[in-house]
Amino acid sequence: MFGWEPANEPLISLDAYMCKVLDTYYQRMLLMARQDANTLLLNYNLGPLPILEQFCAFTGTRLPASLLEEAYTRSRYHGKYPGALFTPYLPLQNPPPFLQAALESYAQLVTIA
């Protein structure tokens, strides 16, 4: 499914496997973005309003100011807990070595997003 050769793959932990899956996803996203000008990469770390603005600019969509104000008000709250103010997650301070490849691929995505 991921283009890996099972016979050449050593047994790894579930965490290391998921990191490898993420790295593969990120590499494919990079490939798509480089080959297709209609690909829009959105960096969720920017938050919902910048993402909405990027999407609207990309698609040529103009939203009424009232809708943007509603989006701003709603974006201050957590998606899973609508009454709680949103607090961003802190990045992992000392990621394990098996996460390195996925982090590097993600960093490449962020630079072109």
Protein backbone atom coordinates (compact mmCIF):
# COMPACT_ATOMS: atom_id res chain seq x y z
CA MET A 1 0.00 0.00 0.00
CA PHE A 2 2.81 2.45 0.83
CA GLY A 3 5.31 1.14 -1.70
CA TRP A 4 7.49 -0.46 0.94
CA GLU A 5 9.09 -3.83 0.41
CA PRO A 6 7.93 -5.97 3.35
CA ALA A 7 10.84 -8.37 3.05
CA ASN A 8 13.27 -5.47 3.44
CA GLU A 9 11.48 -3.88 6.37
CA PRO A 10 12.69 -4.73 9.87
CA LEU A 11 10.15 -5.24 12.64
CA ILE A 12 9.50 -1.88 14.26
CA SER A 13 7.32 -0.55 17.06
CA LEU A 14 3.82 0.72 16.36
CA ASP A 15 5.00 4.29 17.05
CA ALA A 16 7.88 3.98 14.59
CA TYR A 17 5.52 2.43 12.02
CA MET A 18 3.06 5.35 12.34
CA CYS A 19 5.93 7.82 11.92
CA LYS A 20 6.93 6.00 8.74
CA VAL A 21 3.32 6.20 7.52
CA LEU A 22 3.26 9.96 8.22
CA ASP A 23 6.56 10.43 6.42
CA THR A 24 5.17 8.57 3.40
CA TYR A 25 2.02 10.72 3.42
CA TYR A 26 4.09 13.92 3.67
CA GLN A 27 6.37 12.82 0.83
CA ARG A 28 3.35 12.13 -1.39
CA MET A 29 1.84 15.50 -0.51
CA LEU A 30 5.11 17.17 -1.49
CA LEU A 31 5.09 15.31 -4.80
CA MET A 32 1.48 16.32 -5.52
CA ALA A 33 2.15 19.96 -4.64
CA ARG A 34 5.17 20.08 -6.93
CA GLN A 35 3.36 18.44 -9.85
CA ASP A 36 -0.07 20.05 -9.67
CA ALA A 37 -0.59 23.82 -9.47
CA ASN A 38 -4.15 23.18 -8.29
CA THR A 39 -2.89 21.70 -5.03
CA LEU A 40 -3.44 23.90 -2.00
CA LEU A 41 -1.44 22.98 1.09
CA LEU A 42 -2.90 24.43 4.27
CA ASN A 43 -0.85 24.68 7.45
CA TYR A 44 -3.19 24.02 10.36
CA ASN A 45 -0.67 25.58 12.72
CA LEU A 46 -1.67 28.98 11.34
CA GLY A 47 -5.17 28.64 12.74
CA PRO A 48 -8.61 28.58 11.14
CA LEU A 49 -8.87 32.19 9.95
CA PRO A 50 -5.61 32.31 7.98
CA ILE A 51 -6.57 28.95 6.48
CA LEU A 52 -9.97 30.33 5.50
CA GLU A 53 -8.31 33.40 3.97
CA GLN A 54 -5.84 31.25 2.00
CA PHE A 55 -8.65 29.03 0.76
CA CYS A 56 -10.74 32.01 -0.33
CA ALA A 57 -7.78 33.60 -2.11
CA PHE A 58 -6.95 30.32 -3.85
CA THR A 59 -10.54 29.76 -5.02
CA GLY A 60 -11.35 33.41 -5.71
CA THR A 61 -14.13 33.38 -3.11
CA ARG A 62 -15.16 36.59 -1.35
CA LEU A 63 -16.90 36.16 1.98
CA PRO A 64 -19.14 38.80 3.54
CA ALA A 65 -17.63 40.63 6.54
CA SER A 66 -20.43 39.30 8.75
CA LEU A 67 -19.46 35.71 7.95
CA LEU A 68 -15.78 36.45 8.63
CA GLU A 69 -16.76 37.97 11.98
CA GLU A 70 -18.74 34.83 12.85
CA ALA A 71 -15.78 32.69 11.84
CA TYR A 72 -13.46 34.76 14.04
CA THR A 73 -15.79 34.47 17.03
CA ARG A 74 -16.24 30.72 16.60
CA SER A 75 -12.55 30.05 15.97
CA ARG A 76 -11.68 31.22 19.46
CA TYR A 77 -13.33 28.09 20.88
CA HIS A 78 -12.24 24.47 20.89
CA GLY A 79 -13.83 22.36 18.13
CA LYS A 80 -14.53 19.40 20.43
CA TYR A 81 -15.56 21.53 23.41
CA PRO A 82 -17.53 24.50 22.03
CA GLY A 83 -17.71 26.27 25.41
CA ALA A 84 -13.96 26.10 26.04
CA LEU A 85 -11.49 28.60 24.60
CA PHE A 86 -9.02 27.04 22.19
CA THR A 87 -5.49 26.51 23.47
CA PRO A 88 -2.88 25.40 20.93
CA TYR A 89 -0.85 22.29 21.62
CA LEU A 90 2.79 22.78 22.50
CA PRO A 91 5.29 21.15 20.13
CA LEU A 92 7.15 18.07 21.32
CA GLN A 93 10.39 19.22 22.96
CA ASN A 94 12.52 16.09 22.49
CA PRO A 95 11.02 13.96 19.71
CA PRO A 96 12.18 10.34 19.52
CA PRO A 97 14.67 9.51 16.73
CA PHE A 98 12.12 7.46 14.76
CA LEU A 99 10.04 10.62 14.33
CA GLN A 100 12.87 12.56 12.66
CA ALA A 101 12.10 11.64 9.02
CA ALA A 102 8.42 12.56 9.41
CA LEU A 103 9.34 15.88 11.05
CA GLU A 104 11.76 16.71 8.23
CA SER A 105 9.14 15.91 5.57
CA TYR A 106 6.58 18.00 7.46
CA ALA A 107 9.04 20.91 7.63
CA GLN A 108 9.37 20.75 3.82
CA LEU A 109 5.59 20.88 3.48
CA VAL A 110 5.38 23.92 5.75
CA THR A 111 7.92 25.81 3.65
CA ILE A 112 5.82 25.44 0.49
CA ALA A 113 2.39 25.81 2.14
